[in-house]
Amino acid sequence: MAASQLSAAQFAEHGRAAVERAIAANTDSVAAAARLVADSVAADGVIHAFGTGHSQATALEIAGRAGGLVPTSRIGLSDLVLRGGEDRSVLADPLLERSPGLAKRLYELATPHPQDLFVIISNSGVNNSVVDMALEVKEAGHRLIALTSLEHTHAVPALHSSGKRLADLADAVLDNCAPTGDALLPMPDGGALCGVSTITSALLVQMVVAEAVGILTAEGHEPPVYISANLPGGFERNAVLEARYEGRLHRGGF
């Protein structure tokens, strides 16, 4: 591809194709994930979203946003500082997400209940903290949804000592259909430009939310859904719903 062909229109074309692939590839997975979400919410559970690096963007798509479910909590490496008492300097390590042994502490800081569900997001699905968290979650008896790129995860070596990838440990796997390396547009020097995983992952999250709320409604439950805090009465309404889960909703920071 010549440099002159790199354009907004070119990315839109490839991005649209990636969205269509993700929709087509995840029909059964979205249904399975939505069933897990609905079951957890109906049992007074909380959905915990964990991602490192840019996968935090998808965790934000799950936890605490307008149009989303109220019983949602975000786990992040920053919890080690904000809630775990570590010095902020620990976050300066660029390889922190690959460090073994972090997951147990992060899991404990999340204060999960038995009926809680976990969603772990990782494009590669192979870093130690992600696989450690998945193992911790499953050992504790929780159901787990993985959101990953199946193409990428099977194109790279498993880094965890168990030989496992995130997708190997999940009860439902959502494939964001991002290419290996995430970026869509080939560069003249052999690199690639414009990541797509955040777009397709956000799409899949909202598809699961829509399906789960449909299940809850059909089964006679009143789904606890946020409205925008910037609508009249929105903040007050949301606060009433959040009070049902007092002390269980953590939203991270920086």
C-alpha atoms as a PDB file:
ATOM      1  CA  MET A   1       0.000   0.000   0.000  1.00  0.00           C
ATOM      2  CA  ALA A   2       1.437   3.351  -1.021  1.00  0.00           C
ATOM      3  CA  ALA A   3       1.643   6.064   1.610  1.00  0.00           C
ATOM      4  CA  SER A   4      -0.863   8.139  -0.398  1.00  0.00           C
ATOM      5  CA  GLN A   5      -3.473   5.431   0.206  1.00  0.00           C
ATOM      6  CA  LEU A   6      -3.314   5.841   3.975  1.00  0.00           C
ATOM      7  CA  SER A   7      -6.420   7.841   4.733  1.00  0.00           C
ATOM      8  CA  ALA A   8      -9.445   8.157   6.952  1.00  0.00           C
ATOM      9  CA  ALA A   9     -11.539   6.539   4.229  1.00  0.00           C
ATOM     10  CA  GLN A  10      -9.153   3.596   4.027  1.00  0.00           C
ATOM     11  CA  PHE A  11      -9.359   2.985   7.766  1.00  0.00           C
ATOM     12  CA  ALA A  12     -13.136   3.370   7.743  1.00  0.00           C
ATOM     13  CA  GLU A  13     -13.398   0.733   5.034  1.00  0.00           C
ATOM     14  CA  HIS A  14     -11.177  -1.762   6.868  1.00  0.00           C
ATOM     15  CA  GLY A  15     -12.715  -0.906  10.218  1.00  0.00           C
ATOM     16  CA  ARG A  16     -16.220  -1.501   8.897  1.00  0.00           C
ATOM     17  CA  ALA A  17     -15.135  -4.904   7.607  1.00  0.00           C
ATOM     18  CA  ALA A  18     -13.666  -5.754  11.022  1.00  0.00           C
ATOM     19  CA  VAL A  19     -16.932  -4.785  12.720  1.00  0.00           C
ATOM     20  CA  GLU A  20     -18.893  -7.002  10.333  1.00  0.00           C
ATOM     21  CA  ARG A  21     -16.504  -9.906  10.988  1.00  0.00           C
ATOM     22  CA  ALA A  22     -16.876  -9.479  14.746  1.00  0.00           C
ATOM     23  CA  ILE A  23     -20.675  -9.477  14.538  1.00  0.00           C
ATOM     24  CA  ALA A  24     -20.751 -12.590  12.344  1.00  0.00           C
ATOM     25  CA  ALA A  25     -18.147 -14.497  14.373  1.00  0.00           C
ATOM     26  CA  ASN A  26     -19.695 -13.929  17.803  1.00  0.00           C
ATOM     27  CA  THR A  27     -23.379 -14.831  17.509  1.00  0.00           C
ATOM     28  CA  ASP A  28     -23.118 -17.830  19.819  1.00  0.00           C
ATOM     29  CA  SER A  29     -20.477 -16.245  22.053  1.00  0.00           C
ATOM     30  CA  VAL A  30     -22.550 -13.113  22.653  1.00  0.00           C
ATOM     31  CA  ALA A  31     -25.527 -15.279  23.613  1.00  0.00           C
ATOM     32  CA  ALA A  32     -23.377 -17.341  26.017  1.00  0.00           C
ATOM     33  CA  ALA A  33     -21.781 -14.261  27.570  1.00  0.00           C
ATOM     34  CA  ALA A  34     -25.159 -12.533  27.958  1.00  0.00           C
ATOM     35  CA  ARG A  35     -26.537 -15.565  29.767  1.00  0.00           C
ATOM     36  CA  LEU A  36     -23.649 -15.395  32.237  1.00  0.00           C
ATOM     37  CA  VAL A  37     -24.185 -11.666  32.779  1.00  0.00           C
ATOM     38  CA  ALA A  38     -27.932 -12.065  33.263  1.00  0.00           C
ATOM     39  CA  ASP A  39     -27.486 -14.923  35.722  1.00  0.00           C
ATOM     40  CA  SER A  40     -24.994 -12.933  37.780  1.00  0.00           C
ATOM     41  CA  VAL A  41     -27.116  -9.781  37.883  1.00  0.00           C
ATOM     42  CA  ALA A  42     -30.241 -11.767  38.765  1.00  0.00           C
ATOM     43  CA  ALA A  43     -28.325 -13.327  41.678  1.00  0.00           C
ATOM     44  CA  ASP A  44     -27.307  -9.875  42.991  1.00  0.00           C
ATOM     45  CA  GLY A  45     -23.855 -10.272  41.482  1.00  0.00           C
ATOM     46  CA  VAL A  46     -21.388  -7.681  40.241  1.00  0.00           C
ATOM     47  CA  ILE A  47     -19.516  -7.869  36.925  1.00  0.00           C
ATOM     48  CA  HIS A  48     -15.799  -7.169  37.411  1.00  0.00           C
ATOM     49  CA  ALA A  49     -13.894  -5.968  34.344  1.00  0.00           C
ATOM     50  CA  PHE A  50     -10.109  -6.293  34.219  1.00  0.00           C
ATOM     51  CA  GLY A  51      -7.744  -5.152  31.509  1.00  0.00           C
ATOM     52  CA  THR A  52      -4.231  -3.755  31.385  1.00  0.00           C
ATOM     53  CA  GLY A  53      -2.674  -1.378  28.879  1.00  0.00           C
ATOM     54  CA  HIS A  54      -5.135  -0.204  26.252  1.00  0.00           C
ATOM     55  CA  SER A  55      -7.576  -2.946  27.250  1.00  0.00           C
ATOM     56  CA  GLN A  56      -8.510  -0.628  30.117  1.00  0.00           C
ATOM     57  CA  ALA A  57     -10.569   1.273  27.536  1.00  0.00           C
ATOM     58  CA  THR A  58     -12.847  -1.738  27.164  1.00  0.00           C
ATOM     59  CA  ALA A  59     -13.047  -2.186  30.934  1.00  0.00           C
ATOM     60  CA  LEU A  60     -14.295   1.410  31.057  1.00  0.00           C
ATOM     61  CA  GLU A  61     -16.891   0.482  28.452  1.00  0.00           C
ATOM     62  CA  ILE A  62     -18.240  -2.116  30.886  1.00  0.00           C
ATOM     63  CA  ALA A  63     -18.022  -0.392  34.245  1.00  0.00           C
ATOM     64  CA  GLY A  64     -19.958   2.721  35.232  1.00  0.00           C
ATOM     65  CA  ARG A  65     -21.149   4.185  31.952  1.00  0.00           C
ATOM     66  CA  ALA A  66     -24.487   5.594  30.819  1.00  0.00           C
ATOM     67  CA  GLY A  67     -26.606   2.908  29.210  1.00  0.00           C
ATOM     68  CA  GLY A  68     -24.661   0.175  30.979  1.00  0.00           C
ATOM     69  CA  LEU A  69     -25.366  -2.037  33.945  1.00  0.00           C
ATOM     70  CA  VAL A  70     -25.023  -0.572  37.427  1.00  0.00           C
ATOM     71  CA  PRO A  71     -23.493  -3.640  39.161  1.00  0.00           C
ATOM     72  CA  THR A  72     -20.138  -3.289  37.432  1.00  0.00           C
ATOM     73  CA  SER A  73     -16.665  -2.788  38.849  1.00  0.00           C
ATOM     74  CA  ARG A  74     -13.316  -2.071  37.222  1.00  0.00           C
ATOM     75  CA  ILE A  75     -10.097  -3.729  38.344  1.00  0.00           C
ATOM     76  CA  GLY A  76      -6.849  -2.042  37.322  1.00  0.00           C
ATOM     77  CA  LEU A  77      -3.184  -2.126  38.172  1.00  0.00           C
ATOM     78  CA  SER A  78      -3.711   1.283  39.768  1.00  0.00           C
ATOM     79  CA  ASP A  79      -5.710  -0.486  42.505  1.00  0.00           C
ATOM     80  CA  LEU A  80      -2.356  -1.525  43.963  1.00  0.00           C
ATOM     81  CA  VAL A  81      -1.808   2.151  44.823  1.00  0.00           C
ATOM     82  CA  LEU A  82      -5.322   3.512  45.258  1.00  0.00           C
ATOM     83  CA  ARG A  83      -6.617   0.722  47.449  1.00  0.00           C
ATOM     84  CA  GLY A  84      -3.647  -1.491  48.209  1.00  0.00           C
ATOM     85  CA  GLY A  85      -1.209   0.932  49.830  1.00  0.00           C
ATOM     86  CA  GLU A  86       1.635   0.518  47.326  1.00  0.00           C
ATOM     87  CA  ASP A  87       3.818   3.478  46.404  1.00  0.00           C
ATOM     88  CA  ARG A  88       2.796   5.125  43.135  1.00  0.00           C
ATOM     89  CA  SER A  89       6.270   4.410  41.728  1.00  0.00           C
ATOM     90  CA  VAL A  90       5.250   0.764  41.235  1.00  0.00           C
ATOM     91  CA  LEU A  91       3.147   1.871  38.280  1.00  0.00           C
ATOM     92  CA  ALA A  92       6.201   3.278  36.492  1.00  0.00           C
ATOM     93  CA  ASP A  93       7.343  -0.234  35.554  1.00  0.00           C
ATOM     94  CA  PRO A  94       6.487  -0.600  31.835  1.00  0.00           C
ATOM     95  CA  LEU A  95       6.422  -4.385  32.239  1.00  0.00           C
ATOM     96  CA  LEU A  96       4.204  -4.399  35.333  1.00  0.00           C
ATOM     97  CA  GLU A  97       1.384  -6.143  33.457  1.00  0.00           C
ATOM     98  CA  ARG A  98       3.745  -9.023  32.700  1.00  0.00           C
ATOM     99  CA  SER A  99       4.814  -9.462  36.318  1.00  0.00           C
ATOM    100  CA  PRO A 100       3.679 -12.700  37.950  1.00  0.00           C
ATOM    101  CA  GLY A 101       1.985 -12.681  41.333  1.00  0.00           C
ATOM    102  CA  LEU A 102      -0.114  -9.510  40.984  1.00  0.00           C
ATOM    103  CA  ALA A 103      -3.451 -11.177  40.357  1.00  0.00           C
ATOM    104  CA  LYS A 104      -4.068 -12.525  43.841  1.00  0.00           C
ATOM    105  CA  ARG A 105      -3.664  -9.079  45.382  1.00  0.00           C
ATOM    106  CA  LEU A 106      -5.861  -7.419  42.749  1.00  0.00           C
ATOM    107  CA  TYR A 107      -8.508 -10.102  43.203  1.00  0.00           C
ATOM    108  CA  GLU A 108      -8.545  -9.545  46.966  1.00  0.00           C
ATOM    109  CA  LEU A 109      -8.835  -5.766  46.524  1.00  0.00           C
ATOM    110  CA  ALA A 110     -11.892  -6.303  44.301  1.00  0.00           C
ATOM    111  CA  THR A 111     -13.713  -7.904  47.283  1.00  0.00           C
ATOM    112  CA  PRO A 112     -15.824 -10.161  45.050  1.00  0.00           C
ATOM    113  CA  HIS A 113     -18.842 -12.153  46.189  1.00  0.00           C
ATOM    114  CA  PRO A 114     -19.349 -15.773  45.060  1.00  0.00           C
ATOM    115  CA  GLN A 115     -22.034 -14.863  42.521  1.00  0.00           C
ATOM    116  CA  ASP A 116     -19.896 -12.200  40.869  1.00  0.00           C
ATOM    117  CA  LEU A 117     -18.828 -12.569  37.234  1.00  0.00           C
ATOM    118  CA  PHE A 118     -15.472 -11.569  35.747  1.00  0.00           C
ATOM    119  CA  VAL A 119     -14.712 -10.160  32.296  1.00  0.00           C
ATOM    120  CA  ILE A 120     -11.018 -10.119  31.412  1.00  0.00           C
ATOM    121  CA  ILE A 121      -9.900  -8.199  28.347  1.00  0.00           C
ATOM    122  CA  SER A 122      -6.607  -8.739  26.552  1.00  0.00           C
ATOM    123  CA  ASN A 123      -5.913  -8.563  22.832  1.00  0.00           C
ATOM    124  CA  SER A 124      -3.019 -11.017  23.054  1.00  0.00           C
ATOM    125  CA  GLY A 125      -4.360 -12.961  26.031  1.00  0.00           C
ATOM    126  CA  VAL A 126      -0.903 -14.165  27.056  1.00  0.00           C
ATOM    127  CA  ASN A 127       0.562 -11.741  29.606  1.00  0.00           C
ATOM    128  CA  ASN A 128       1.164 -13.070  33.108  1.00  0.00           C
ATOM    129  CA  SER A 129      -1.165 -10.726  34.990  1.00  0.00           C
ATOM    130  CA  VAL A 130      -4.075 -11.553  32.696  1.00  0.00           C
ATOM    131  CA  VAL A 131      -3.623 -15.328  32.837  1.00  0.00           C
ATOM    132  CA  ASP A 132      -2.890 -15.199  36.575  1.00  0.00           C
ATOM    133  CA  MET A 133      -6.146 -13.312  37.125  1.00  0.00           C
ATOM    134  CA  ALA A 134      -8.082 -15.826  35.042  1.00  0.00           C
ATOM    135  CA  LEU A 135      -6.612 -18.698  37.071  1.00  0.00           C
ATOM    136  CA  GLU A 136      -7.391 -16.883  40.327  1.00  0.00           C
ATOM    137  CA  VAL A 137     -10.970 -16.254  39.234  1.00  0.00           C
ATOM    138  CA  LYS A 138     -11.595 -19.845  38.185  1.00  0.00           C
ATOM    139  CA  GLU A 139      -9.967 -21.275  41.313  1.00  0.00           C
ATOM    140  CA  ALA A 140     -12.362 -19.134  43.377  1.00  0.00           C
ATOM    141  CA  GLY A 141     -15.332 -20.591  41.485  1.00  0.00           C
ATOM    142  CA  HIS A 142     -16.424 -17.572  39.426  1.00  0.00           C
ATOM    143  CA  ARG A 143     -17.645 -17.648  35.837  1.00  0.00           C
ATOM    144  CA  LEU A 144     -15.354 -15.905  33.385  1.00  0.00           C
ATOM    145  CA  ILE A 145     -15.826 -14.124  30.059  1.00  0.00           C
ATOM    146  CA  ALA A 146     -12.706 -13.521  27.962  1.00  0.00           C
ATOM    147  CA  LEU A 147     -12.546 -10.753  25.369  1.00  0.00           C
ATOM    148  CA  THR A 148      -9.529 -11.293  23.144  1.00  0.00           C
ATOM    149  CA  SER A 149      -8.253 -11.599  19.586  1.00  0.00           C
ATOM    150  CA  LEU A 150      -8.199 -15.288  18.740  1.00  0.00           C
ATOM    151  CA  GLU A 151      -5.989 -14.595  15.737  1.00  0.00           C
ATOM    152  CA  HIS A 152      -3.418 -12.754  17.833  1.00  0.00           C
ATOM    153  CA  THR A 153      -3.464 -15.106  20.823  1.00  0.00           C
ATOM    154  CA  HIS A 154      -2.794 -18.155  18.657  1.00  0.00           C
ATOM    155  CA  ALA A 155      -0.055 -16.374  16.682  1.00  0.00           C
ATOM    156  CA  VAL A 156       2.203 -15.707  19.691  1.00  0.00           C
ATOM    157  CA  PRO A 157       3.766 -17.951  22.349  1.00  0.00           C
ATOM    158  CA  ALA A 158       1.972 -18.481  25.640  1.00  0.00           C
ATOM    159  CA  LEU A 159       4.059 -16.581  28.214  1.00  0.00           C
ATOM    160  CA  HIS A 160       2.516 -17.994  31.384  1.00  0.00           C
ATOM    161  CA  SER A 161       4.273 -20.891  33.111  1.00  0.00           C
ATOM    162  CA  SER A 162       1.059 -22.921  32.870  1.00  0.00           C
ATOM    163  CA  GLY A 163       1.154 -22.730  29.083  1.00  0.00           C
ATOM    164  CA  LYS A 164      -2.380 -21.325  29.192  1.00  0.00           C
ATOM    165  CA  ARG A 165      -3.844 -18.377  27.354  1.00  0.00           C
ATOM    166  CA  LEU A 166      -6.774 -16.293  28.579  1.00  0.00           C
ATOM    167  CA  ALA A 167      -9.140 -17.932  26.093  1.00  0.00           C
ATOM    168  CA  ASP A 168      -8.268 -21.391  27.421  1.00  0.00           C
ATOM    169  CA  LEU A 169      -9.714 -20.565  30.846  1.00  0.00           C
ATOM    170  CA  ALA A 170     -12.981 -18.783  30.001  1.00  0.00           C
ATOM    171  CA  ASP A 171     -16.579 -19.985  30.130  1.00  0.00           C
ATOM    172  CA  ALA A 172     -17.353 -17.750  27.134  1.00  0.00           C
ATOM    173  CA  VAL A 173     -14.895 -16.218  24.664  1.00  0.00           C
ATOM    174  CA  LEU A 174     -15.635 -13.057  22.692  1.00  0.00           C
ATOM    175  CA  ASP A 175     -13.347 -12.662  19.679  1.00  0.00           C
ATOM    176  CA  ASN A 176     -12.745  -9.020  18.776  1.00  0.00           C
ATOM    177  CA  CYS A 177     -11.448 -10.174  15.368  1.00  0.00           C
ATOM    178  CA  ALA A 178      -8.495  -7.789  15.511  1.00  0.00           C
ATOM    179  CA  PRO A 179      -5.504  -8.883  13.438  1.00  0.00           C
ATOM    180  CA  THR A 180      -2.231  -9.967  14.999  1.00  0.00           C
ATOM    181  CA  GLY A 181      -0.690  -6.756  16.309  1.00  0.00           C
ATOM    182  CA  ASP A 182      -4.112  -5.015  16.280  1.00  0.00           C
ATOM    183  CA  ALA A 183      -3.362  -2.414  13.569  1.00  0.00           C
ATOM    184  CA  LEU A 184      -5.252  -2.610  10.271  1.00  0.00           C
ATOM    185  CA  LEU A 185      -3.474  -0.549   7.636  1.00  0.00           C
ATOM    186  CA  PRO A 186      -0.121  -1.787   6.286  1.00  0.00           C
ATOM    187  CA  MET A 187       2.667   0.776   6.106  1.00  0.00           C
ATOM    188  CA  PRO A 188       5.260   0.990   3.338  1.00  0.00           C
ATOM    189  CA  ASP A 189       8.024   0.070   5.824  1.00  0.00           C
ATOM    190  CA  GLY A 190       6.260  -3.146   6.824  1.00  0.00           C
ATOM    191  CA  GLY A 191       4.590  -1.811   9.964  1.00  0.00           C
ATOM    192  CA  ALA A 192       0.886  -1.211  10.429  1.00  0.00           C
ATOM    193  CA  LEU A 193      -1.324   1.698  11.416  1.00  0.00           C
ATOM    194  CA  CYS A 194      -4.615   2.224  13.272  1.00  0.00           C
ATOM    195  CA  GLY A 195      -5.674  -0.284  15.922  1.00  0.00           C
ATOM    196  CA  VAL A 196      -9.196  -1.686  15.765  1.00  0.00           C
ATOM    197  CA  SER A 197      -9.584  -3.847  18.885  1.00  0.00           C
ATOM    198  CA  THR A 198     -11.105  -1.058  20.993  1.00  0.00           C
ATOM    199  CA  ILE A 199     -13.811  -0.485  18.383  1.00  0.00           C
ATOM    200  CA  THR A 200     -14.816  -4.120  17.966  1.00  0.00           C
ATOM    201  CA  SER A 201     -14.467  -4.869  21.679  1.00  0.00           C
ATOM    202  CA  ALA A 202     -16.768  -1.962  22.599  1.00  0.00           C
ATOM    203  CA  LEU A 203     -19.264  -3.226  20.042  1.00  0.00           C
ATOM    204  CA  LEU A 204     -19.246  -6.720  21.560  1.00  0.00           C
ATOM    205  CA  VAL A 205     -19.623  -5.357  25.091  1.00  0.00           C
ATOM    206  CA  GLN A 206     -22.718  -3.383  24.118  1.00  0.00           C
ATOM    207  CA  MET A 207     -24.162  -6.366  22.226  1.00  0.00           C
ATOM    208  CA  VAL A 208     -23.772  -8.478  25.375  1.00  0.00           C
ATOM    209  CA  VAL A 209     -25.368  -5.776  27.530  1.00  0.00           C
ATOM    210  CA  ALA A 210     -28.352  -5.502  25.167  1.00  0.00           C
ATOM    211  CA  GLU A 211     -28.817  -9.271  25.092  1.00  0.00           C
ATOM    212  CA  ALA A 212     -28.409  -9.644  28.856  1.00  0.00           C
ATOM    213  CA  VAL A 213     -30.955  -6.898  29.605  1.00  0.00           C
ATOM    214  CA  GLY A 214     -33.328  -8.584  27.173  1.00  0.00           C
ATOM    215  CA  ILE A 215     -32.936 -11.867  29.067  1.00  0.00           C
ATOM    216  CA  LEU A 216     -33.423 -10.205  32.457  1.00  0.00           C
ATOM    217  CA  THR A 217     -36.550  -8.396  31.289  1.00  0.00           C
ATOM    218  CA  ALA A 218     -38.027 -11.549  29.726  1.00  0.00           C
ATOM    219  CA  GLU A 219     -37.430 -13.432  32.963  1.00  0.00           C
ATOM    220  CA  GLY A 220     -39.218 -10.850  35.105  1.00  0.00           C
ATOM    221  CA  HIS A 221     -36.272  -8.908  36.500  1.00  0.00           C
ATOM    222  CA  GLU A 222     -35.930  -5.122  36.491  1.00  0.00           C
ATOM    223  CA  PRO A 223     -32.458  -4.514  35.033  1.00  0.00           C
ATOM    224  CA  PRO A 224     -30.376  -1.952  36.978  1.00  0.00           C
ATOM    225  CA  VAL A 225     -29.214   0.312  34.153  1.00  0.00           C
ATOM    226  CA  TYR A 226     -27.464   3.670  34.367  1.00  0.00           C
ATOM    227  CA  ILE A 227     -28.855   6.756  32.711  1.00  0.00           C
ATOM    228  CA  SER A 228     -26.630   9.738  32.016  1.00  0.00           C
ATOM    229  CA  ALA A 229     -25.787  11.695  35.129  1.00  0.00           C
ATOM    230  CA  ASN A 230     -26.044  14.765  32.897  1.00  0.00           C
ATOM    231  CA  LEU A 231     -29.789  14.316  32.426  1.00  0.00           C
ATOM    232  CA  PRO A 232     -32.150  15.927  34.952  1.00  0.00           C
ATOM    233  CA  GLY A 233     -32.430  13.591  37.945  1.00  0.00           C
ATOM    234  CA  GLY A 234     -29.903  11.187  36.469  1.00  0.00           C
ATOM    235  CA  PHE A 235     -27.302  11.445  39.215  1.00  0.00           C
ATOM    236  CA  GLU A 236     -29.896  10.957  41.939  1.00  0.00           C
ATOM    237  CA  ARG A 237     -31.515   7.988  40.199  1.00  0.00           C
ATOM    238  CA  ASN A 238     -28.162   6.304  39.652  1.00  0.00           C
ATOM    239  CA  ALA A 239     -27.171   6.849  43.278  1.00  0.00           C
ATOM    240  CA  VAL A 240     -30.267   4.975  44.448  1.00  0.00           C
ATOM    241  CA  LEU A 241     -29.375   2.005  42.223  1.00  0.00           C
ATOM    242  CA  GLU A 242     -25.726   2.060  43.306  1.00  0.00           C
ATOM    243  CA  ALA A 243     -26.760   1.971  46.966  1.00  0.00           C
ATOM    244  CA  ARG A 244     -27.938  -1.613  46.475  1.00  0.00           C
ATOM    245  CA  TYR A 245     -24.289  -2.579  45.945  1.00  0.00           C
ATOM    246  CA  GLU A 246     -22.687  -0.386  48.589  1.00  0.00           C
ATOM    247  CA  GLY A 247     -18.988  -1.085  48.981  1.00  0.00           C
ATOM    248  CA  ARG A 248     -18.855  -3.434  45.989  1.00  0.00           C
ATOM    249  CA  LEU A 249     -18.461  -1.039  43.033  1.00  0.00           C
ATOM    250  CA  HIS A 250     -14.864   0.066  42.463  1.00  0.00           C
ATOM    251  CA  ARG A 251     -14.063   2.234  39.482  1.00  0.00           C
ATOM    252  CA  GLY A 252     -10.290   2.667  39.649  1.00  0.00           C
ATOM    253  CA  GLY A 253      -8.479   5.823  38.647  1.00  0.00           C
ATOM    254  CA  PHE A 254      -5.652   7.393  36.787  1.00  0.00           C
END
